Protein backbone atom coordinates (compact mmCIF):
# COMPACT_ATOMS: atom_id res chain seq x y z
CA MET A 1 0.00 0.00 0.00
CA ASN A 2 1.21 3.55 -0.63
CA GLY A 3 -0.06 7.08 0.03
CA LYS A 4 -1.55 7.47 -3.48
CA GLN A 5 -3.84 4.45 -3.55
CA SER A 6 -7.56 5.04 -3.34
CA THR A 7 -8.24 1.99 -1.17
CA HIS A 8 -8.13 2.28 2.60
CA SER A 9 -6.59 -0.22 5.00
CA SER A 10 -8.27 -1.59 8.10
CA ILE A 11 -6.00 0.61 10.25
CA PHE A 12 -7.10 3.71 8.36
CA LEU A 13 -10.77 2.77 8.79
CA MET A 14 -10.34 2.09 12.51
CA LEU A 15 -8.58 5.41 13.04
CA THR A 16 -11.33 7.18 11.10
CA ALA A 17 -13.99 5.56 13.28
CA LEU A 18 -12.08 6.55 16.43
CA TYR A 19 -11.62 10.13 15.20
CA ILE A 20 -15.31 10.63 14.42
CA THR A 21 -16.32 8.94 17.69
CA CYS A 22 -14.12 11.31 19.71
CA LEU A 23 -15.50 14.28 17.80
CA LEU A 24 -19.15 13.35 18.35
CA ILE A 25 -18.70 12.48 22.03
CA SER A 26 -16.88 15.79 22.57
CA ASN A 27 -19.79 17.73 21.13
CA ILE A 28 -22.33 15.81 23.23
CA ILE A 29 -20.52 16.35 26.55
CA ALA A 30 -19.45 19.94 25.82
CA SER A 31 -22.39 21.43 27.76
CA LYS A 32 -21.15 19.84 31.02
CA LEU A 33 -18.79 22.24 32.78
CA ILE A 34 -15.87 21.04 34.90
CA GLN A 35 -13.47 22.86 37.19
CA ILE A 36 -9.73 22.17 37.19
CA ALA A 37 -7.47 24.14 39.54
CA GLY A 38 -10.19 26.75 39.88
CA ILE A 39 -10.59 27.15 36.11
CA VAL A 40 -13.98 26.40 34.58
CA LEU A 41 -13.83 24.46 31.31
CA PRO A 42 -16.27 22.49 29.17
CA SER A 43 -15.80 18.78 29.78
CA ALA A 44 -15.09 18.31 26.06
CA VAL A 45 -11.49 19.41 26.73
CA ILE A 46 -10.75 15.96 28.15
CA LEU A 47 -11.42 14.33 24.77
CA PHE A 48 -11.54 16.87 21.94
CA PRO A 49 -7.73 17.35 21.82
CA VAL A 50 -7.53 13.66 20.90
CA THR A 51 -9.02 14.57 17.52
CA TYR A 52 -5.99 16.81 16.90
CA ILE A 53 -3.60 14.04 17.92
CA LEU A 54 -5.37 11.66 15.54
CA ALA A 55 -5.32 14.34 12.84
CA ASP A 56 -1.55 14.59 13.27
CA VAL A 57 -1.26 10.83 12.88
CA PHE A 58 -3.48 10.82 9.78
CA THR A 59 -1.61 13.67 8.10
CA GLU A 60 1.84 12.37 8.99
CA VAL A 61 1.17 8.81 7.83
CA TYR A 62 -1.41 9.10 5.05
CA GLY A 63 -1.00 12.70 3.87
CA PHE A 64 -3.22 15.75 3.65
CA GLN A 65 -5.50 14.39 0.93
CA LYS A 66 -6.65 11.47 3.10
CA MET A 67 -6.96 13.71 6.15
CA ARG A 68 -9.10 16.13 4.15
CA LEU A 69 -11.59 13.32 3.52
CA VAL A 70 -11.64 12.41 7.22
CA ILE A 71 -12.25 16.03 8.24
CA TRP A 72 -15.24 16.29 5.90
CA LEU A 73 -16.60 12.97 7.19
CA GLY A 74 -16.38 14.33 10.72
CA PHE A 75 -18.01 17.59 9.64
CA GLY A 76 -20.91 15.73 8.03
CA ALA A 77 -21.33 13.35 10.97
CA ASN A 78 -21.45 16.27 13.41
CA ALA A 79 -24.05 18.12 11.35
CA PHE A 80 -26.15 14.98 10.90
CA MET A 81 -26.00 14.19 14.62
CA SER A 82 -27.15 17.69 15.53
CA LEU A 83 -30.03 17.46 13.04
CA ILE A 84 -31.22 14.12 14.45
CA PHE A 85 -31.04 15.52 18.00
CA LEU A 86 -33.28 18.42 16.96
CA VAL A 87 -35.77 16.08 15.29
CA ALA A 88 -35.86 13.72 18.30
CA ILE A 89 -36.42 16.60 20.70
CA ALA A 90 -39.14 18.16 18.52
CA LEU A 91 -41.15 14.93 18.22
CA PRO A 92 -43.98 14.67 20.78
CA SER A 93 -43.39 12.48 23.83
CA PRO A 94 -45.92 10.58 25.96
CA LEU A 95 -47.24 12.20 29.14
CA PHE A 96 -45.48 9.68 31.37
CA PHE A 97 -42.06 10.64 29.94
CA GLY A 98 -40.86 13.17 32.49
CA GLU A 99 -37.34 13.71 31.21
CA GLN A 100 -38.16 15.74 28.08
CA GLU A 101 -36.76 19.01 29.44
CA ALA A 102 -33.59 17.38 30.76
CA TYR A 103 -33.15 15.62 27.41
CA ARG A 104 -33.56 18.92 25.60
CA ILE A 105 -31.08 20.74 27.84
CA VAL A 106 -28.37 18.11 27.39
CA LEU A 107 -28.70 17.42 23.67
CA SER A 108 -30.18 20.54 22.12
CA ASN A 109 -27.79 23.15 20.76
CA SER A 110 -28.94 26.57 19.70
CA PRO A 111 -28.22 27.54 16.07
CA ARG A 112 -25.49 29.81 17.41
CA ILE A 113 -23.71 27.00 19.28
CA PHE A 114 -24.11 24.70 16.27
CA LEU A 115 -22.56 27.28 13.93
CA ALA A 116 -19.75 27.97 16.40
CA SER A 117 -18.96 24.26 16.67
CA LEU A 118 -18.82 23.68 12.93
CA ALA A 119 -16.82 26.85 12.21
CA GLY A 120 -14.24 26.15 14.92
CA TYR A 121 -13.86 22.51 13.92
CA TRP A 122 -13.55 23.24 10.18
CA ALA A 123 -10.98 26.03 10.49
CA GLY A 124 -9.01 24.39 13.28
CA GLU A 125 -8.69 20.93 11.79
CA PHE A 126 -7.85 22.10 8.28
CA SER A 127 -5.24 24.61 9.45
CA ASN A 128 -3.69 21.95 11.69
CA SER A 129 -3.46 19.43 8.85
CA ILE A 130 -2.22 21.89 6.21
CA ILE A 131 0.52 23.28 8.46
CA LEU A 132 1.67 19.83 9.55
CA SER A 133 1.85 18.60 5.94
CA ALA A 134 3.64 21.73 4.69
CA LEU A 135 6.18 21.59 7.51
CA LYS A 136 6.82 17.93 6.78
CA LYS A 137 7.93 18.88 3.27
CA ALA A 138 9.99 21.79 4.58
CA THR A 139 11.79 19.63 7.16
CA LYS A 140 12.04 16.58 4.88
CA GLY A 141 10.14 14.49 7.41
CA ARG A 142 12.30 15.40 10.40
CA LEU A 143 11.40 16.99 13.75
CA LEU A 144 7.91 15.54 14.08
CA TRP A 145 7.48 17.07 17.53
CA THR A 146 7.99 20.61 16.23
CA ARG A 147 5.48 20.02 13.44
CA THR A 148 2.76 18.55 15.65
CA ILE A 149 3.11 21.28 18.26
CA ALA A 150 3.33 24.14 15.74
CA SER A 151 0.26 22.94 13.84
CA THR A 152 -1.67 22.48 17.10
CA ILE A 153 -0.80 25.99 18.28
CA VAL A 154 -2.44 27.42 15.15
CA GLY A 155 -5.29 24.91 14.81
CA GLU A 156 -6.39 24.96 18.42
CA GLY A 157 -6.06 28.73 18.45
CA LEU A 158 -8.45 29.16 15.53
CA ASP A 159 -10.85 26.58 16.94
CA THR A 160 -10.92 28.24 20.36
CA ILE A 161 -11.34 31.80 19.06
CA LEU A 162 -14.07 30.88 16.59
CA PHE A 163 -16.04 28.59 18.88
CA ILE A 164 -16.02 30.73 22.01
CA GLY A 165 -16.25 33.98 20.05
CA ILE A 166 -19.29 32.91 18.02
CA ALA A 167 -20.97 30.99 20.85
CA PHE A 168 -20.57 33.45 23.71
CA TRP A 169 -19.85 36.93 22.30
CA GLY A 170 -22.20 39.42 23.94
CA THR A 171 -23.35 36.98 26.63
CA MET A 172 -20.60 37.77 29.16
CA PRO A 173 -18.04 40.49 29.94
CA LYS A 174 -15.19 40.66 27.43
CA ALA A 175 -12.63 40.00 30.16
CA SER A 176 -14.36 36.74 31.08
CA LEU A 177 -14.61 35.77 27.41
CA ILE A 178 -10.88 36.30 26.87
CA GLN A 179 -10.07 34.41 30.07
CA MET A 180 -12.16 31.46 28.90
CA MET A 181 -10.47 31.48 25.50
CA LEU A 182 -6.99 31.58 27.02
CA ALA A 183 -7.68 28.84 29.57
CA GLN A 184 -9.10 26.43 27.00
CA TYR A 185 -6.38 27.19 24.49
CA LEU A 186 -3.51 26.62 26.92
CA PHE A 187 -5.11 23.43 28.25
CA LYS A 188 -5.55 21.94 24.76
CA VAL A 189 -2.03 22.86 23.62
CA ALA A 190 -0.55 21.42 26.83
CA TYR A 191 -2.58 18.25 26.21
CA GLU A 192 -1.01 17.86 22.77
CA VAL A 193 2.50 18.50 24.09
CA ALA A 194 2.06 15.92 26.87
CA PHE A 195 0.95 13.27 24.37
CA THR A 196 3.75 13.95 21.85
CA PRO A 197 5.74 10.81 22.88
CA LEU A 198 2.62 8.70 22.29
CA THR A 199 2.13 10.36 18.90
CA TYR A 200 5.68 9.32 17.95
CA LEU A 201 4.99 5.72 18.97
CA VAL A 202 1.68 5.51 17.10
CA VAL A 203 3.05 7.13 13.93
CA GLY A 204 6.07 4.81 13.92
CA TYR A 205 3.94 1.73 14.48
CA ILE A 206 1.43 2.56 11.72
CA LYS A 207 4.16 3.45 9.22
CA ARG A 208 5.77 0.06 9.82
CA LYS A 209 2.47 -1.78 9.50
CA GLU A 210 1.34 0.15 6.43
CA ASN A 211 4.78 0.56 4.83
CA ILE A 212 3.97 4.22 4.13
CA ASP A 213 6.01 7.40 4.17
CA THR A 214 3.89 10.12 2.54
CA PHE A 215 5.42 13.51 1.80
CA ASP A 216 2.56 15.10 -0.16
CA ARG A 217 5.05 16.60 -2.61
CA ASP A 218 2.43 17.57 -5.16
CA VAL A 219 -0.55 18.13 -2.88
CA VAL A 220 -2.92 21.05 -3.45
CA TYR A 221 -3.98 22.46 -0.09
CA ASN A 222 -7.58 23.05 -1.07
CA PRO A 223 -10.04 22.07 1.69
CA PHE A 224 -12.92 21.88 -0.81
CA ARG A 225 -11.26 19.43 -3.20
CA LEU A 226 -12.21 15.90 -2.17
CA GLY A 227 -10.49 13.92 -4.92
CA GLU A 228 -6.97 12.57 -4.83
């Protein structure tokens, strides 16, 4: 198998399933707030950074073109999930079902939150993948840790600014908004840095199993182009 084939291995499919699963679970649990060292964060921060780690693995092993497909699959799955939640909540429930309001609070996102989620995800994941791929060419495949961290700094930054900015602008004091942005951003970047050794191990293992070393020499960094 090589990076230009259109078929996908079982490892690729399992990683794709794991990536989309982490993304969807993150969006479901995001409304639950947690407190770490006095800092209030959405509980999604415990899992959502994993999508960036997986994105690094995808891009490093399979190249930007394959990662672009995975990002769009995640985007579509997230939109479809949100639509089904809205339909399920809108359908009438029997009188004996007393959890309708709790169900609505947990699973229902306002159009503003939905837009914020999609915008942050789209911009963050694509910038992360493009930067990682471009730096791989520039470094000739060396210094993986600098590429994963640099791409995460940009990707998570865009995701945090867009999501919190769109979702909460005008609903709280600007100082609190900036504090929330900074806390989430630093937490997610630190998460990626802490898991860098694991990223090395996973990338090395998959490259050996797949016999792949993709450099994306001729790739066109167009997020809207789905073909190879």
